[in-house]
């Protein structure tokens, strides 16, 4: 059964993306379960430790933009550079709205980097896909 998201609903999602303060939290030994992991407090026990340019509680996502492609949107942000001097081991991340309270900060997306991202006293760069982080079609 085909489904259709009206353009005005897509625009509401885009407006939220641009207006909200979002952060990314890096995780290890984590299994994404979108049906029960609604808030940062549901996953915070899997967060990696503070190191170099990464601070526990997540780091701000900068340069958020939305690019229209006909009736669709690409949601994108600046690539993330963590370091120098970071010692990190993560495989997953969550993007979340930062309310200042982990119990009320909703997770907006779960990200699987497919393999462990290991950095020893260096810099980790999260380079988003050229088509953006989220594609709304």
N, C-alpha and C. Protein backbone atom coordinates (compact mmCIF):
# COMPACT_ATOMS: atom_id res chain seq x y z
N UNK A 1 0.84 -1.17 0.00
CA UNK A 1 0.00 0.00 0.00
C UNK A 1 0.89 1.24 0.00
N UNK A 2 0.80 2.06 -1.03
CA UNK A 2 1.60 3.28 -1.06
C UNK A 2 1.13 4.27 0.00
N UNK A 3 2.06 5.06 0.48
CA UNK A 3 1.71 6.10 1.43
C UNK A 3 2.28 7.42 0.94
N UNK A 4 1.72 8.49 1.43
CA UNK A 4 2.12 9.82 0.98
C UNK A 4 2.17 10.74 2.19
N UNK A 5 3.28 11.43 2.33
CA UNK A 5 3.40 12.45 3.37
C UNK A 5 3.22 13.79 2.68
N UNK A 6 2.19 14.55 3.07
CA UNK A 6 1.97 15.84 2.43
C UNK A 6 3.16 16.77 2.61
N UNK A 7 3.39 17.61 1.62
CA UNK A 7 4.53 18.53 1.65
C UNK A 7 4.52 19.42 2.90
N UNK A 8 3.35 19.87 3.37
CA UNK A 8 3.31 20.74 4.54
C UNK A 8 3.77 20.00 5.80
N UNK A 9 3.54 18.69 5.87
CA UNK A 9 4.03 17.91 7.01
C UNK A 9 5.55 17.78 6.92
N UNK A 10 6.05 17.54 5.74
CA UNK A 10 7.50 17.49 5.55
C UNK A 10 8.13 18.82 5.96
N UNK A 11 7.48 19.91 5.60
CA UNK A 11 7.99 21.24 5.95
C UNK A 11 8.00 21.43 7.46
N UNK A 12 7.02 20.89 8.18
CA UNK A 12 7.02 20.97 9.64
C UNK A 12 8.22 20.23 10.22
N UNK A 13 8.54 19.08 9.66
CA UNK A 13 9.71 18.32 10.11
C UNK A 13 10.99 19.11 9.85
N UNK A 14 11.08 19.72 8.69
CA UNK A 14 12.24 20.55 8.34
C UNK A 14 12.38 21.72 9.31
N UNK A 15 11.28 22.37 9.62
CA UNK A 15 11.32 23.51 10.54
C UNK A 15 11.84 23.09 11.91
N UNK A 16 11.43 21.92 12.37
CA UNK A 16 11.91 21.39 13.66
C UNK A 16 13.41 21.14 13.58
N UNK A 17 13.86 20.51 12.50
CA UNK A 17 15.28 20.21 12.31
C UNK A 17 16.13 21.47 12.43
N UNK A 18 15.70 22.53 11.77
CA UNK A 18 16.47 23.76 11.74
C UNK A 18 16.40 24.50 13.08
N UNK A 19 15.24 24.50 13.73
CA UNK A 19 15.03 25.33 14.93
C UNK A 19 15.54 24.70 16.22
N UNK A 20 15.45 23.40 16.36
CA UNK A 20 15.81 22.76 17.63
C UNK A 20 17.33 22.68 17.82
N UNK A 21 17.74 22.68 19.08
CA UNK A 21 19.14 22.42 19.42
C UNK A 21 19.32 20.90 19.48
N UNK A 22 20.14 20.35 18.59
CA UNK A 22 20.37 18.92 18.53
C UNK A 22 21.80 18.61 18.97
N UNK A 23 21.95 17.42 19.54
CA UNK A 23 23.27 16.91 19.90
C UNK A 23 23.42 15.49 19.37
N UNK A 24 24.66 15.04 19.35
CA UNK A 24 24.95 13.65 19.01
C UNK A 24 25.64 13.02 20.22
N UNK A 25 25.19 11.84 20.59
CA UNK A 25 25.78 11.09 21.69
C UNK A 25 26.37 9.80 21.12
N UNK A 26 27.63 9.54 21.42
CA UNK A 26 28.33 8.36 20.91
C UNK A 26 28.17 7.20 21.90
N UNK A 27 27.91 6.01 21.35
CA UNK A 27 27.60 4.85 22.17
C UNK A 27 28.42 3.64 21.77
N UNK A 28 28.61 2.73 22.72
CA UNK A 28 29.29 1.46 22.49
C UNK A 28 28.53 0.39 23.26
N UNK A 29 28.66 -0.88 22.84
CA UNK A 29 27.95 -1.99 23.48
C UNK A 29 26.46 -1.68 23.58
N UNK A 30 25.88 -1.33 22.47
CA UNK A 30 24.52 -0.79 22.40
C UNK A 30 23.76 -1.52 21.31
N UNK A 31 22.50 -1.75 21.54
CA UNK A 31 21.62 -2.31 20.53
C UNK A 31 20.46 -1.34 20.32
N UNK A 32 20.36 -0.73 19.15
CA UNK A 32 19.26 0.19 18.90
C UNK A 32 17.92 -0.55 18.91
N UNK A 33 16.97 -0.03 19.67
CA UNK A 33 15.62 -0.56 19.71
C UNK A 33 14.68 0.65 19.67
N UNK A 34 14.32 1.05 18.47
CA UNK A 34 13.56 2.28 18.28
C UNK A 34 12.19 2.25 18.94
N UNK A 35 11.66 1.07 19.21
CA UNK A 35 10.33 0.99 19.80
C UNK A 35 10.31 1.30 21.29
N UNK A 36 11.47 1.24 21.95
CA UNK A 36 11.49 1.50 23.40
C UNK A 36 12.48 2.58 23.81
N UNK A 37 13.39 2.93 22.96
CA UNK A 37 14.40 3.95 23.29
C UNK A 37 13.92 5.30 22.76
N UNK A 38 13.16 5.99 23.60
CA UNK A 38 12.54 7.24 23.19
C UNK A 38 13.35 8.46 23.64
N UNK A 39 13.99 8.35 24.81
CA UNK A 39 14.70 9.48 25.38
C UNK A 39 16.16 9.13 25.63
N UNK A 40 16.99 10.15 25.76
CA UNK A 40 18.41 9.95 26.02
C UNK A 40 18.62 9.11 27.29
N UNK A 41 17.77 9.29 28.29
CA UNK A 41 17.90 8.51 29.53
C UNK A 41 17.77 7.01 29.28
N UNK A 42 17.17 6.60 28.15
CA UNK A 42 17.03 5.18 27.82
C UNK A 42 18.33 4.57 27.29
N UNK A 43 19.30 5.40 26.89
CA UNK A 43 20.54 4.88 26.28
C UNK A 43 21.81 5.39 26.93
N UNK A 44 21.70 6.32 27.86
CA UNK A 44 22.88 7.01 28.40
C UNK A 44 23.88 6.07 29.06
N UNK A 45 23.44 4.93 29.55
CA UNK A 45 24.38 3.99 30.19
C UNK A 45 25.34 3.38 29.18
N UNK A 46 25.08 3.53 27.90
CA UNK A 46 25.94 2.99 26.84
C UNK A 46 26.84 4.07 26.23
N UNK A 47 26.78 5.29 26.77
CA UNK A 47 27.59 6.38 26.24
C UNK A 47 29.06 6.17 26.56
N UNK A 48 29.93 6.57 25.62
CA UNK A 48 31.36 6.50 25.86
C UNK A 48 31.78 7.63 26.81
N UNK A 49 32.97 7.52 27.35
CA UNK A 49 33.46 8.50 28.33
C UNK A 49 33.97 9.76 27.64
N UNK A 50 34.01 10.84 28.40
CA UNK A 50 34.60 12.09 27.94
C UNK A 50 36.06 11.87 27.57
N UNK A 51 36.47 12.42 26.40
CA UNK A 51 37.87 12.31 25.98
C UNK A 51 38.13 13.33 24.88
N UNK A 52 39.20 14.10 25.07
CA UNK A 52 39.57 15.07 24.04
C UNK A 52 38.42 16.01 23.77
N UNK A 53 37.93 16.06 22.53
CA UNK A 53 36.85 16.96 22.16
C UNK A 53 35.46 16.39 22.36
N UNK A 54 35.36 15.19 22.94
CA UNK A 54 34.04 14.61 23.20
C UNK A 54 33.70 14.75 24.67
N UNK A 55 32.53 15.31 24.94
CA UNK A 55 32.06 15.47 26.32
C UNK A 55 30.85 14.59 26.56
N UNK A 56 30.86 13.87 27.68
CA UNK A 56 29.70 13.07 28.06
C UNK A 56 28.47 13.97 28.06
N UNK A 57 27.38 13.44 27.58
CA UNK A 57 26.16 14.23 27.43
C UNK A 57 25.93 14.64 25.99
N UNK A 58 26.93 14.37 25.14
CA UNK A 58 26.79 14.66 23.72
C UNK A 58 27.41 15.98 23.32
N UNK A 59 27.60 16.14 22.02
CA UNK A 59 28.16 17.38 21.49
C UNK A 59 27.19 17.97 20.47
N UNK A 60 27.19 19.27 20.40
CA UNK A 60 26.24 20.00 19.56
C UNK A 60 26.43 19.67 18.08
N UNK A 61 25.31 19.56 17.38
CA UNK A 61 25.30 19.40 15.94
C UNK A 61 25.18 20.81 15.34
N UNK A 62 26.16 21.18 14.54
CA UNK A 62 26.21 22.53 13.98
C UNK A 62 25.90 22.52 12.49
N UNK A 63 25.55 23.68 11.98
CA UNK A 63 25.36 23.85 10.54
C UNK A 63 24.19 23.09 9.97
N UNK A 64 23.11 22.93 10.74
CA UNK A 64 21.95 22.18 10.23
C UNK A 64 21.27 22.95 9.11
N UNK A 65 21.01 22.24 8.03
CA UNK A 65 20.30 22.83 6.89
C UNK A 65 19.31 21.80 6.35
N UNK A 66 18.36 22.31 5.59
CA UNK A 66 17.41 21.45 4.88
C UNK A 66 17.42 21.89 3.42
N UNK A 67 17.59 20.93 2.54
CA UNK A 67 17.64 21.22 1.12
C UNK A 67 16.44 20.56 0.45
N UNK A 68 15.63 21.35 -0.23
CA UNK A 68 14.46 20.81 -0.92
C UNK A 68 14.89 20.16 -2.23
N UNK A 69 14.26 19.04 -2.52
CA UNK A 69 14.48 18.30 -3.77
C UNK A 69 13.09 17.94 -4.29
N UNK A 70 12.46 18.87 -4.97
CA UNK A 70 11.08 18.65 -5.38
C UNK A 70 10.19 18.63 -4.13
N UNK A 71 9.50 17.52 -3.92
CA UNK A 71 8.65 17.37 -2.73
C UNK A 71 9.39 16.71 -1.58
N UNK A 72 10.67 16.49 -1.72
CA UNK A 72 11.46 15.80 -0.71
C UNK A 72 12.48 16.76 -0.10
N UNK A 73 13.02 16.35 1.05
CA UNK A 73 14.02 17.17 1.73
C UNK A 73 15.19 16.32 2.18
N UNK A 74 16.37 16.89 2.08
CA UNK A 74 17.58 16.33 2.67
C UNK A 74 17.88 17.15 3.92
N UNK A 75 18.00 16.49 5.05
CA UNK A 75 18.40 17.17 6.28
C UNK A 75 19.87 16.90 6.49
N UNK A 76 20.65 17.93 6.61
CA UNK A 76 22.09 17.77 6.69
C UNK A 76 22.65 18.67 7.79
N UNK A 77 23.93 18.47 8.11
CA UNK A 77 24.63 19.27 9.10
C UNK A 77 26.11 19.24 8.77
N UNK A 78 26.85 20.08 9.44
CA UNK A 78 28.30 20.07 9.26
C UNK A 78 28.88 18.75 9.75
N UNK A 79 29.92 18.29 9.06
CA UNK A 79 30.64 17.10 9.54
C UNK A 79 31.14 17.39 10.95
N UNK A 80 31.25 16.35 11.76
CA UNK A 80 31.66 16.50 13.16
C UNK A 80 33.13 16.11 13.29
N UNK A 81 33.91 16.97 13.91
CA UNK A 81 35.32 16.70 14.17
C UNK A 81 35.50 16.66 15.68
N UNK A 82 35.94 15.52 16.19
CA UNK A 82 36.10 15.33 17.63
C UNK A 82 37.58 15.10 17.91
N UNK A 83 38.19 16.03 18.62
CA UNK A 83 39.61 15.95 18.91
C UNK A 83 40.25 17.29 18.62
N UNK A 84 41.55 17.34 18.61
CA UNK A 84 42.53 16.25 18.75
C UNK A 84 42.64 15.80 20.20
N UNK A 85 43.42 14.77 20.40
CA UNK A 85 43.68 14.25 21.73
C UNK A 85 42.58 13.35 22.26
N UNK A 86 41.72 12.86 21.38
CA UNK A 86 40.62 12.00 21.81
C UNK A 86 41.01 10.53 21.75
N UNK A 87 40.59 9.79 22.75
CA UNK A 87 40.68 8.33 22.72
C UNK A 87 39.25 7.83 22.80
N UNK A 88 38.77 7.28 21.68
CA UNK A 88 37.36 6.93 21.54
C UNK A 88 37.21 5.53 20.98
N UNK A 89 36.12 4.89 21.35
CA UNK A 89 35.73 3.60 20.77
C UNK A 89 34.22 3.58 20.76
N UNK A 90 33.63 3.81 19.58
CA UNK A 90 32.17 3.84 19.46
C UNK A 90 31.76 3.19 18.16
N UNK A 91 30.52 2.73 18.13
CA UNK A 91 29.96 2.19 16.90
C UNK A 91 28.65 2.86 16.55
N UNK A 92 27.96 3.34 17.56
CA UNK A 92 26.63 3.91 17.37
C UNK A 92 26.57 5.35 17.85
N UNK A 93 25.50 6.01 17.44
CA UNK A 93 25.21 7.35 17.94
C UNK A 93 23.70 7.54 17.94
N UNK A 94 23.27 8.47 18.75
CA UNK A 94 21.89 8.93 18.67
C UNK A 94 21.94 10.44 18.46
N UNK A 95 21.07 10.91 17.59
CA UNK A 95 20.83 12.33 17.42
C UNK A 95 19.62 12.65 18.27
N UNK A 96 19.73 13.72 19.08
CA UNK A 96 18.60 14.02 19.96
C UNK A 96 18.41 15.51 20.13
N UNK A 97 17.17 15.88 20.46
CA UNK A 97 16.85 17.26 20.81
C UNK A 97 17.34 17.49 22.22
N UNK A 98 18.13 18.52 22.40
CA UNK A 98 18.69 18.82 23.72
C UNK A 98 17.74 19.71 24.50
N UNK A 99 17.09 19.12 25.50
CA UNK A 99 16.19 19.90 26.37
C UNK A 99 16.90 20.29 27.66
N UNK A 100 18.13 19.79 27.86
CA UNK A 100 18.83 20.03 29.11
C UNK A 100 18.54 18.99 30.17
N UNK A 101 17.66 18.05 29.86
CA UNK A 101 17.28 16.98 30.79
C UNK A 101 17.21 15.68 30.01
N UNK A 102 18.05 14.71 30.39
CA UNK A 102 18.10 13.45 29.64
C UNK A 102 16.76 12.71 29.61
N UNK A 103 15.95 12.88 30.65
CA UNK A 103 14.66 12.18 30.72
C UNK A 103 13.64 12.77 29.76
N UNK A 104 13.88 14.01 29.30
CA UNK A 104 12.93 14.64 28.39
C UNK A 104 13.55 15.02 27.05
N UNK A 105 14.81 14.60 26.80
CA UNK A 105 15.47 14.87 25.52
C UNK A 105 15.15 13.73 24.56
N UNK A 106 14.25 13.96 23.58
CA UNK A 106 13.84 12.87 22.70
C UNK A 106 14.90 12.52 21.66
N UNK A 107 15.06 11.22 21.45
CA UNK A 107 15.95 10.73 20.40
C UNK A 107 15.24 10.96 19.06
N UNK A 108 15.97 11.55 18.13
CA UNK A 108 15.41 11.83 16.80
C UNK A 108 15.87 10.81 15.76
N UNK A 109 17.06 10.21 15.97
CA UNK A 109 17.57 9.21 15.02
C UNK A 109 18.63 8.34 15.69
N UNK A 110 18.66 7.07 15.30
CA UNK A 110 19.70 6.13 15.72
C UNK A 110 20.64 5.95 14.53
N UNK A 111 21.94 5.96 14.78
CA UNK A 111 22.92 5.83 13.70
C UNK A 111 23.84 4.66 14.01
N UNK A 112 24.03 3.79 13.02
CA UNK A 112 24.95 2.66 13.12
C UNK A 112 26.08 2.92 12.14
N UNK A 113 27.31 3.06 12.65
CA UNK A 113 28.46 3.30 11.80
C UNK A 113 29.01 2.01 11.20
N UNK A 114 28.36 0.88 11.46
CA UNK A 114 28.63 -0.44 10.91
C UNK A 114 29.85 -1.12 11.54
N UNK A 115 30.92 -0.40 11.74
CA UNK A 115 32.10 -0.96 12.40
C UNK A 115 32.51 -0.05 13.55
N UNK A 116 33.27 -0.59 14.48
CA UNK A 116 33.77 0.23 15.59
C UNK A 116 34.65 1.34 15.04
N UNK A 117 34.45 2.54 15.59
CA UNK A 117 35.26 3.70 15.25
C UNK A 117 36.24 3.88 16.41
N UNK A 118 37.51 3.56 16.18
CA UNK A 118 38.50 3.58 17.25
C UNK A 118 39.54 4.65 16.94
N UNK A 119 39.75 5.52 17.92
CA UNK A 119 40.74 6.59 17.80
C UNK A 119 41.56 6.59 19.08
N UNK A 120 42.87 6.60 18.95
CA UNK A 120 43.74 6.64 20.12
C UNK A 120 44.56 7.93 20.05
N UNK A 121 44.26 8.83 20.99
CA UNK A 121 44.95 10.12 21.08
C UNK A 121 44.99 10.82 19.72
N UNK A 122 43.82 10.95 19.12
CA UNK A 122 43.76 11.55 17.80
C UNK A 122 42.46 12.29 17.58
N UNK A 123 42.02 12.30 16.33
CA UNK A 123 40.81 13.01 15.92
C UNK A 123 39.89 12.05 15.20
N UNK A 124 38.61 12.11 15.54
CA UNK A 124 37.58 11.33 14.86
C UNK A 124 36.72 12.29 14.07
N UNK A 125 36.48 11.97 12.81
CA UNK A 125 35.62 12.80 11.97
C UNK A 125 34.41 11.99 11.55
N UNK A 126 33.24 12.53 11.86
CA UNK A 126 32.00 11.92 11.39
C UNK A 126 31.61 12.72 10.15
N UNK A 127 31.76 12.07 9.00
CA UNK A 127 31.47 12.72 7.73
C UNK A 127 30.11 12.22 7.26
N UNK A 128 29.14 13.11 7.26
CA UNK A 128 27.79 12.73 6.86
C UNK A 128 27.73 12.45 5.36
N UNK A 129 26.79 11.63 4.97
CA UNK A 129 26.57 11.29 3.57
C UNK A 129 26.33 12.56 2.76
N UNK A 130 26.80 12.56 1.53
CA UNK A 130 26.62 13.71 0.65
C UNK A 130 25.15 14.06 0.45
N UNK A 131 24.26 13.08 0.62
CA UNK A 131 22.82 13.32 0.48
C UNK A 131 22.18 13.71 1.80
N UNK A 132 22.99 13.92 2.84
CA UNK A 132 22.44 14.36 4.11
C UNK A 132 22.36 13.24 5.13
N UNK A 133 21.91 13.61 6.33
CA UNK A 133 21.78 12.67 7.43
C UNK A 133 20.44 11.94 7.34
N UNK A 134 19.40 12.70 7.03
CA UNK A 134 18.04 12.15 6.94
C UNK A 134 17.43 12.62 5.63
N UNK A 135 16.76 11.71 4.94
CA UNK A 135 16.08 12.03 3.69
C UNK A 135 14.60 11.82 3.89
N UNK A 136 13.82 12.86 3.69
CA UNK A 136 12.37 12.78 3.86
C UNK A 136 11.74 12.73 2.48
N UNK A 137 11.12 11.62 2.19
CA UNK A 137 10.53 11.44 0.88
C UNK A 137 9.03 11.28 0.97
